[in-house]
Amino acid sequence: MNKIALVLDTASNMDFEMAEKFGFELLPYSIEIEGEVYDDLIDIPREGFYERL
């Protein structure tokens, strides 16, 4: 039997806890700010993202 996975990125505004609760795979997207690259929700929280803009 084939398996199907629902894969979202963090632009979906879903956090890792909610994704796990519903059985989704959540991939962080990369954010570059002033030459530094961050993985969304791993290296930089949402609040930190807006503070750095």
PDB file of N, CA and C in Angstrom:
ATOM      1  N   MET A   1       0.841  -1.183   0.000  1.00  0.00           N
ATOM      2  CA  MET A   1       0.000   0.000   0.000  1.00  0.00           C
ATOM      3  C   MET A   1       0.887   1.247   0.000  1.00  0.00           C
ATOM      4  N   ASN A   2       0.558   2.204  -0.827  1.00  0.00           N
ATOM      5  CA  ASN A   2       1.307   3.458  -0.886  1.00  0.00           C
ATOM      6  C   ASN A   2       0.928   4.357   0.276  1.00  0.00           C
ATOM      7  N   LYS A   3       1.895   5.100   0.742  1.00  0.00           N
ATOM      8  CA  LYS A   3       1.636   6.052   1.813  1.00  0.00           C
ATOM      9  C   LYS A   3       1.620   7.457   1.229  1.00  0.00           C
ATOM     10  N   ILE A   4       0.789   8.282   1.790  1.00  0.00           N
ATOM     11  CA  ILE A   4       0.702   9.678   1.378  1.00  0.00           C
ATOM     12  C   ILE A   4       1.035  10.544   2.587  1.00  0.00           C
ATOM     13  N   ALA A   5       1.854  11.550   2.364  1.00  0.00           N
ATOM     14  CA  ALA A   5       2.204  12.475   3.436  1.00  0.00           C
ATOM     15  C   ALA A   5       1.783  13.880   3.041  1.00  0.00           C
ATOM     16  N   LEU A   6       1.234  14.587   3.992  1.00  0.00           N
ATOM     17  CA  LEU A   6       0.940  16.000   3.787  1.00  0.00           C
ATOM     18  C   LEU A   6       2.127  16.789   4.304  1.00  0.00           C
ATOM     19  N   VAL A   7       2.760  17.523   3.414  1.00  0.00           N
ATOM     20  CA  VAL A   7       3.962  18.265   3.749  1.00  0.00           C
ATOM     21  C   VAL A   7       3.671  19.754   3.574  1.00  0.00           C
ATOM     22  N   LEU A   8       3.921  20.505   4.619  1.00  0.00           N
ATOM     23  CA  LEU A   8       3.709  21.952   4.616  1.00  0.00           C
ATOM     24  C   LEU A   8       5.025  22.629   4.960  1.00  0.00           C
ATOM     25  N   ASP A   9       5.145  23.892   4.611  1.00  0.00           N
ATOM     26  CA  ASP A   9       6.289  24.644   5.132  1.00  0.00           C
ATOM     27  C   ASP A   9       5.776  25.637   6.166  1.00  0.00           C
ATOM     28  N   THR A  10       6.700  26.268   6.846  1.00  0.00           N
ATOM     29  CA  THR A  10       6.316  27.146   7.948  1.00  0.00           C
ATOM     30  C   THR A  10       5.630  28.419   7.483  1.00  0.00           C
ATOM     31  N   ALA A  11       5.594  28.673   6.188  1.00  0.00           N
ATOM     32  CA  ALA A  11       4.816  29.802   5.674  1.00  0.00           C
ATOM     33  C   ALA A  11       3.323  29.544   5.859  1.00  0.00           C
ATOM     34  N   SER A  12       2.947  28.301   6.144  1.00  0.00           N
ATOM     35  CA  SER A  12       1.543  27.963   6.379  1.00  0.00           C
ATOM     36  C   SER A  12       1.052  28.501   7.720  1.00  0.00           C
ATOM     37  N   ASN A  13       1.949  29.074   8.500  1.00  0.00           N
ATOM     38  CA  ASN A  13       1.641  29.636   9.820  1.00  0.00           C
ATOM     39  C   ASN A  13       1.288  28.541  10.828  1.00  0.00           C
ATOM     40  N   MET A  14       1.713  27.322  10.555  1.00  0.00           N
ATOM     41  CA  MET A  14       1.508  26.214  11.473  1.00  0.00           C
ATOM     42  C   MET A  14       2.807  25.988  12.230  1.00  0.00           C
ATOM     43  N   ASP A  15       2.707  25.687  13.520  1.00  0.00           N
ATOM     44  CA  ASP A  15       3.916  25.392  14.274  1.00  0.00           C
ATOM     45  C   ASP A  15       4.122  23.876  14.324  1.00  0.00           C
ATOM     46  N   PHE A  16       5.276  23.464  14.828  1.00  0.00           N
ATOM     47  CA  PHE A  16       5.635  22.048  14.815  1.00  0.00           C
ATOM     48  C   PHE A  16       4.707  21.208  15.693  1.00  0.00           C
ATOM     49  N   GLU A  17       4.253  21.753  16.805  1.00  0.00           N
ATOM     50  CA  GLU A  17       3.350  21.003  17.686  1.00  0.00           C
ATOM     51  C   GLU A  17       2.021  20.707  17.000  1.00  0.00           C
ATOM     52  N   MET A  18       1.464  21.702  16.325  1.00  0.00           N
ATOM     53  CA  MET A  18       0.192  21.508  15.639  1.00  0.00           C
ATOM     54  C   MET A  18       0.349  20.531  14.473  1.00  0.00           C
ATOM     55  N   ALA A  19       1.452  20.644  13.744  1.00  0.00           N
ATOM     56  CA  ALA A  19       1.705  19.732  12.627  1.00  0.00           C
ATOM     57  C   ALA A  19       1.767  18.289  13.120  1.00  0.00           C
ATOM     58  N   GLU A  20       2.450  18.073  14.222  1.00  0.00           N
ATOM     59  CA  GLU A  20       2.542  16.721  14.774  1.00  0.00           C
ATOM     60  C   GLU A  20       1.168  16.219  15.211  1.00  0.00           C
ATOM     61  N   LYS A  21       0.387  17.087  15.829  1.00  0.00           N
ATOM     62  CA  LYS A  21      -0.949  16.716  16.290  1.00  0.00           C
ATOM     63  C   LYS A  21      -1.818  16.202  15.142  1.00  0.00           C
ATOM     64  N   PHE A  22      -1.714  16.832  13.971  1.00  0.00           N
ATOM     65  CA  PHE A  22      -2.543  16.457  12.832  1.00  0.00           C
ATOM     66  C   PHE A  22      -1.847  15.515  11.844  1.00  0.00           C
ATOM     67  N   GLY A  23      -0.606  15.143  12.146  1.00  0.00           N
ATOM     68  CA  GLY A  23       0.100  14.181  11.310  1.00  0.00           C
ATOM     69  C   GLY A  23       0.711  14.762  10.051  1.00  0.00           C
ATOM     70  N   PHE A  24       0.997  16.058  10.040  1.00  0.00           N
ATOM     71  CA  PHE A  24       1.622  16.707   8.893  1.00  0.00           C
ATOM     72  C   PHE A  24       3.133  16.726   9.067  1.00  0.00           C
ATOM     73  N   GLU A  25       3.849  16.753   7.966  1.00  0.00           N
ATOM     74  CA  GLU A  25       5.293  17.003   7.993  1.00  0.00           C
ATOM     75  C   GLU A  25       5.471  18.499   7.759  1.00  0.00           C
ATOM     76  N   LEU A  26       6.231  19.141   8.612  1.00  0.00           N
ATOM     77  CA  LEU A  26       6.431  20.593   8.513  1.00  0.00           C
ATOM     78  C   LEU A  26       7.898  20.888   8.249  1.00  0.00           C
ATOM     79  N   LEU A  27       8.160  21.592   7.168  1.00  0.00           N
ATOM     80  CA  LEU A  27       9.523  21.953   6.790  1.00  0.00           C
ATOM     81  C   LEU A  27       9.725  23.451   6.998  1.00  0.00           C
ATOM     82  N   PRO A  28      10.792  23.826   7.673  1.00  0.00           N
ATOM     83  CA  PRO A  28      11.057  25.254   7.847  1.00  0.00           C
ATOM     84  C   PRO A  28      11.616  25.852   6.559  1.00  0.00           C
ATOM     85  N   TYR A  29      11.176  27.031   6.224  1.00  0.00           N
ATOM     86  CA  TYR A  29      11.782  27.709   5.085  1.00  0.00           C
ATOM     87  C   TYR A  29      12.924  28.571   5.581  1.00  0.00           C
ATOM     88  N   SER A  30      13.844  28.883   4.691  1.00  0.00           N
ATOM     89  CA  SER A  30      15.020  29.681   5.053  1.00  0.00           C
ATOM     90  C   SER A  30      14.727  31.159   4.871  1.00  0.00           C
ATOM     91  N   ILE A  31      15.210  31.936   5.823  1.00  0.00           N
ATOM     92  CA  ILE A  31      15.043  33.386   5.799  1.00  0.00           C
ATOM     93  C   ILE A  31      16.437  33.994   5.818  1.00  0.00           C
ATOM     94  N   GLU A  32      16.710  34.893   4.906  1.00  0.00           N
ATOM     95  CA  GLU A  32      17.997  35.591   4.913  1.00  0.00           C
ATOM     96  C   GLU A  32      17.760  37.033   5.340  1.00  0.00           C
ATOM     97  N   ILE A  33      18.437  37.433   6.416  1.00  0.00           N
ATOM     98  CA  ILE A  33      18.346  38.796   6.933  1.00  0.00           C
ATOM     99  C   ILE A  33      19.761  39.323   7.086  1.00  0.00           C
ATOM    100  N   GLU A  34      20.069  40.358   6.350  1.00  0.00           N
ATOM    101  CA  GLU A  34      21.391  41.001   6.397  1.00  0.00           C
ATOM    102  C   GLU A  34      22.524  39.982   6.242  1.00  0.00           C
ATOM    103  N   GLY A  35      22.373  39.065   5.291  1.00  0.00           N
ATOM    104  CA  GLY A  35      23.426  38.103   5.006  1.00  0.00           C
ATOM    105  C   GLY A  35      23.437  36.869   5.888  1.00  0.00           C
ATOM    106  N   GLU A  36      22.635  36.838   6.944  1.00  0.00           N
ATOM    107  CA  GLU A  36      22.537  35.673   7.819  1.00  0.00           C
ATOM    108  C   GLU A  36      21.322  34.850   7.406  1.00  0.00           C
ATOM    109  N   VAL A  37      21.489  33.531   7.345  1.00  0.00           N
ATOM    110  CA  VAL A  37      20.395  32.643   6.954  1.00  0.00           C
ATOM    111  C   VAL A  37      19.873  31.923   8.196  1.00  0.00           C
ATOM    112  N   TYR A  38      18.555  31.942   8.362  1.00  0.00           N
ATOM    113  CA  TYR A  38      17.892  31.326   9.507  1.00  0.00           C
ATOM    114  C   TYR A  38      16.833  30.351   9.008  1.00  0.00           C
ATOM    115  N   ASP A  39      16.644  29.251   9.736  1.00  0.00           N
ATOM    116  CA  ASP A  39      15.525  28.351   9.475  1.00  0.00           C
ATOM    117  C   ASP A  39      14.350  28.831  10.325  1.00  0.00           C
ATOM    118  N   ASP A  40      13.239  29.117   9.657  1.00  0.00           N
ATOM    119  CA  ASP A  40      12.056  29.640  10.333  1.00  0.00           C
ATOM    120  C   ASP A  40      11.599  28.700  11.444  1.00  0.00           C
ATOM    121  N   LEU A  41      11.312  29.266  12.588  1.00  0.00           N
ATOM    122  CA  LEU A  41      10.831  28.590  13.795  1.00  0.00           C
ATOM    123  C   LEU A  41      11.866  27.690  14.461  1.00  0.00           C
ATOM    124  N   ILE A  42      13.045  27.549  13.867  1.00  0.00           N
ATOM    125  CA  ILE A  42      14.112  26.774  14.501  1.00  0.00           C
ATOM    126  C   ILE A  42      15.195  27.737  14.987  1.00  0.00           C
ATOM    127  N   ASP A  43      15.754  28.504  14.064  1.00  0.00           N
ATOM    128  CA  ASP A  43      16.810  29.456  14.407  1.00  0.00           C
ATOM    129  C   ASP A  43      16.251  30.810  14.815  1.00  0.00           C
ATOM    130  N   ILE A  44      15.042  31.100  14.387  1.00  0.00           N
ATOM    131  CA  ILE A  44      14.465  32.413  14.644  1.00  0.00           C
ATOM    132  C   ILE A  44      12.957  32.252  14.874  1.00  0.00           C
ATOM    133  N   PRO A  45      12.466  32.697  16.038  1.00  0.00           N
ATOM    134  CA  PRO A  45      11.016  32.619  16.276  1.00  0.00           C
ATOM    135  C   PRO A  45      10.288  33.692  15.464  1.00  0.00           C
ATOM    136  N   ARG A  46       8.997  33.566  15.349  1.00  0.00           N
ATOM    137  CA  ARG A  46       8.227  34.555  14.571  1.00  0.00           C
ATOM    138  C   ARG A  46       8.445  35.969  15.094  1.00  0.00           C
ATOM    139  N   GLU A  47       8.467  36.121  16.408  1.00  0.00           N
ATOM    140  CA  GLU A  47       8.672  37.454  16.980  1.00  0.00           C
ATOM    141  C   GLU A  47      10.038  38.006  16.588  1.00  0.00           C
ATOM    142  N   GLY A  48      11.058  37.142  16.596  1.00  0.00           N
ATOM    143  CA  GLY A  48      12.408  37.561  16.233  1.00  0.00           C
ATOM    144  C   GLY A  48      12.500  37.966  14.776  1.00  0.00           C
ATOM    145  N   PHE A  49      11.737  37.294  13.938  1.00  0.00           N
ATOM    146  CA  PHE A  49      11.715  37.636  12.523  1.00  0.00           C
ATOM    147  C   PHE A  49      11.217  39.068  12.340  1.00  0.00           C
ATOM    148  N   TYR A  50      10.107  39.399  12.958  1.00  0.00           N
ATOM    149  CA  TYR A  50       9.536  40.738  12.784  1.00  0.00           C
ATOM    150  C   TYR A  50      10.402  41.808  13.426  1.00  0.00           C
ATOM    151  N   GLU A  51      11.076  41.486  14.510  1.00  0.00           N
ATOM    152  CA  GLU A  51      11.968  42.452  15.159  1.00  0.00           C
ATOM    153  C   GLU A  51      13.162  42.801  14.263  1.00  0.00           C
ATOM    154  N   ARG A  52      13.625  41.842  13.481  1.00  0.00           N
ATOM    155  CA  ARG A  52      14.799  42.056  12.641  1.00  0.00           C
ATOM    156  C   ARG A  52      14.504  42.742  11.316  1.00  0.00           C
ATOM    157  N   LEU A  53      13.228  42.844  10.958  1.00  0.00           N
ATOM    158  CA  LEU A  53      12.897  43.495   9.685  1.00  0.00           C
ATOM    159  C   LEU A  53      13.162  44.984   9.710  1.00  0.00           C
TER     160      LEU A  53
END
